[in-house]
Amino acid sequence: MWLVTMLRWRPWEPRGRKMEMFARYRVPEYWIVDPQDQRIEIHALRGDGYELAQVAGPADEVRSSHVPGLSFVPAQAFPNE
């Protein structure tokens, strides 16, 4: 299992109580997607908390360490403006 959260009006929220709750339920990988900056953060569960495993900009390849074969370039996931 992995989880993806989209940043909206409260950018601090995914890194606070939500992240603590997901760690408590042992979600192994947690992605935070920022559509405004076209950026994706991947956090990996290590012990009782998360460690930032990757930050990918629009042209970087994002790769899951938990879901085999899941990789893409973030710019492909965001609409062109």
C-alpha atoms as a PDB file:
ATOM      1  CA  MET A   1       0.000   0.000   0.000  1.00  0.00           C
ATOM      2  CA  TRP A   2       1.116   3.570  -0.659  1.00  0.00           C
ATOM      3  CA  LEU A   3      -0.618   6.884  -0.202  1.00  0.00           C
ATOM      4  CA  VAL A   4      -0.717  10.106  -2.220  1.00  0.00           C
ATOM      5  CA  THR A   5      -1.827  13.494  -0.853  1.00  0.00           C
ATOM      6  CA  MET A   6      -2.400  16.590  -2.973  1.00  0.00           C
ATOM      7  CA  LEU A   7      -1.379  19.971  -1.559  1.00  0.00           C
ATOM      8  CA  ARG A   8      -4.155  22.522  -1.629  1.00  0.00           C
ATOM      9  CA  TRP A   9      -4.896  25.343   0.797  1.00  0.00           C
ATOM     10  CA  ARG A  10      -3.004  24.053   3.845  1.00  0.00           C
ATOM     11  CA  PRO A  11       0.468  22.977   2.681  1.00  0.00           C
ATOM     12  CA  TRP A  12       1.622  22.184   6.236  1.00  0.00           C
ATOM     13  CA  GLU A  13      -1.149  19.630   6.857  1.00  0.00           C
ATOM     14  CA  PRO A  14       0.324  16.624   4.955  1.00  0.00           C
ATOM     15  CA  ARG A  15       3.530  16.937   6.971  1.00  0.00           C
ATOM     16  CA  GLY A  16       1.872  17.176  10.378  1.00  0.00           C
ATOM     17  CA  ARG A  17      -0.920  15.155  11.910  1.00  0.00           C
ATOM     18  CA  LYS A  18      -1.696  13.278   8.693  1.00  0.00           C
ATOM     19  CA  MET A  19       1.875  12.066   8.372  1.00  0.00           C
ATOM     20  CA  GLU A  20       1.898  10.945  12.015  1.00  0.00           C
ATOM     21  CA  MET A  21      -1.358   9.038  11.499  1.00  0.00           C
ATOM     22  CA  PHE A  22      -0.074   7.293   8.360  1.00  0.00           C
ATOM     23  CA  ALA A  23       3.093   6.272  10.208  1.00  0.00           C
ATOM     24  CA  ARG A  24       1.007   4.881  13.059  1.00  0.00           C
ATOM     25  CA  TYR A  25      -0.868   2.713  10.535  1.00  0.00           C
ATOM     26  CA  ARG A  26       2.470   1.699   8.952  1.00  0.00           C
ATOM     27  CA  VAL A  27       1.838   3.082   5.445  1.00  0.00           C
ATOM     28  CA  PRO A  28       5.253   2.285   3.900  1.00  0.00           C
ATOM     29  CA  GLU A  29       5.374   5.068   1.309  1.00  0.00           C
ATOM     30  CA  TYR A  30       3.684   8.463   1.317  1.00  0.00           C
ATOM     31  CA  TRP A  31       3.728  10.890  -1.618  1.00  0.00           C
ATOM     32  CA  ILE A  32       2.964  14.606  -1.366  1.00  0.00           C
ATOM     33  CA  VAL A  33       2.033  16.162  -4.718  1.00  0.00           C
ATOM     34  CA  ASP A  34       2.319  19.912  -5.232  1.00  0.00           C
ATOM     35  CA  PRO A  35       0.495  20.753  -8.493  1.00  0.00           C
ATOM     36  CA  GLN A  36       1.376  24.444  -8.311  1.00  0.00           C
ATOM     37  CA  ASP A  37       5.134  23.809  -8.309  1.00  0.00           C
ATOM     38  CA  GLN A  38       4.773  20.515 -10.227  1.00  0.00           C
ATOM     39  CA  ARG A  39       6.771  18.780  -7.540  1.00  0.00           C
ATOM     40  CA  ILE A  40       6.435  15.405  -5.838  1.00  0.00           C
ATOM     41  CA  GLU A  41       7.951  14.409  -2.510  1.00  0.00           C
ATOM     42  CA  ILE A  42       8.282  10.741  -1.619  1.00  0.00           C
ATOM     43  CA  HIS A  43       8.533   9.868   2.058  1.00  0.00           C
ATOM     44  CA  ALA A  44       9.518   6.357   3.152  1.00  0.00           C
ATOM     45  CA  LEU A  45       8.594   4.865   6.522  1.00  0.00           C
ATOM     46  CA  ARG A  46      11.702   4.289   8.639  1.00  0.00           C
ATOM     47  CA  GLY A  47      11.076   3.081  12.164  1.00  0.00           C
ATOM     48  CA  ASP A  48       8.258   5.123  13.670  1.00  0.00           C
ATOM     49  CA  GLY A  49       8.385   8.024  11.212  1.00  0.00           C
ATOM     50  CA  TYR A  50       9.015   9.103   7.659  1.00  0.00           C
ATOM     51  CA  GLU A  51      12.264   9.965   5.933  1.00  0.00           C
ATOM     52  CA  LEU A  52      12.312  12.123   2.814  1.00  0.00           C
ATOM     53  CA  ALA A  53      13.410   9.662   0.127  1.00  0.00           C
ATOM     54  CA  GLN A  54      13.051  11.791  -3.017  1.00  0.00           C
ATOM     55  CA  VAL A  55      12.018  15.231  -4.232  1.00  0.00           C
ATOM     56  CA  ALA A  56      11.227  15.381  -7.937  1.00  0.00           C
ATOM     57  CA  GLY A  57      10.684  18.483 -10.042  1.00  0.00           C
ATOM     58  CA  PRO A  58       8.758  18.548 -13.322  1.00  0.00           C
ATOM     59  CA  ALA A  59      11.559  17.012 -15.414  1.00  0.00           C
ATOM     60  CA  ASP A  60      12.889  14.508 -12.854  1.00  0.00           C
ATOM     61  CA  GLU A  61      11.948  10.854 -12.833  1.00  0.00           C
ATOM     62  CA  VAL A  62       9.947   9.794  -9.795  1.00  0.00           C
ATOM     63  CA  ARG A  63      10.294   6.153  -8.767  1.00  0.00           C
ATOM     64  CA  SER A  64       8.486   4.228  -6.063  1.00  0.00           C
ATOM     65  CA  SER A  65      10.618   1.977  -3.907  1.00  0.00           C
ATOM     66  CA  HIS A  66       7.512   0.152  -2.755  1.00  0.00           C
ATOM     67  CA  VAL A  67       5.462  -0.326  -5.956  1.00  0.00           C
ATOM     68  CA  PRO A  68       7.514  -2.223  -8.561  1.00  0.00           C
ATOM     69  CA  GLY A  69       7.553  -0.586 -11.975  1.00  0.00           C
ATOM     70  CA  LEU A  70       5.944   2.675 -10.848  1.00  0.00           C
ATOM     71  CA  SER A  71       7.997   5.500 -12.284  1.00  0.00           C
ATOM     72  CA  PHE A  72       7.203   8.593 -14.346  1.00  0.00           C
ATOM     73  CA  VAL A  73       8.204  12.201 -14.960  1.00  0.00           C
ATOM     74  CA  PRO A  74       5.959  14.589 -12.961  1.00  0.00           C
ATOM     75  CA  ALA A  75       5.450  16.943 -15.923  1.00  0.00           C
ATOM     76  CA  GLN A  76       3.520  14.091 -17.587  1.00  0.00           C
ATOM     77  CA  ALA A  77       1.019  14.072 -14.713  1.00  0.00           C
ATOM     78  CA  PHE A  78       0.234  17.795 -14.695  1.00  0.00           C
ATOM     79  CA  PRO A  79      -1.858  19.575 -17.327  1.00  0.00           C
ATOM     80  CA  ASN A  80      -0.177  22.084 -19.588  1.00  0.00           C
ATOM     81  CA  GLU A  81      -1.157  25.644 -18.799  1.00  0.00           C
END
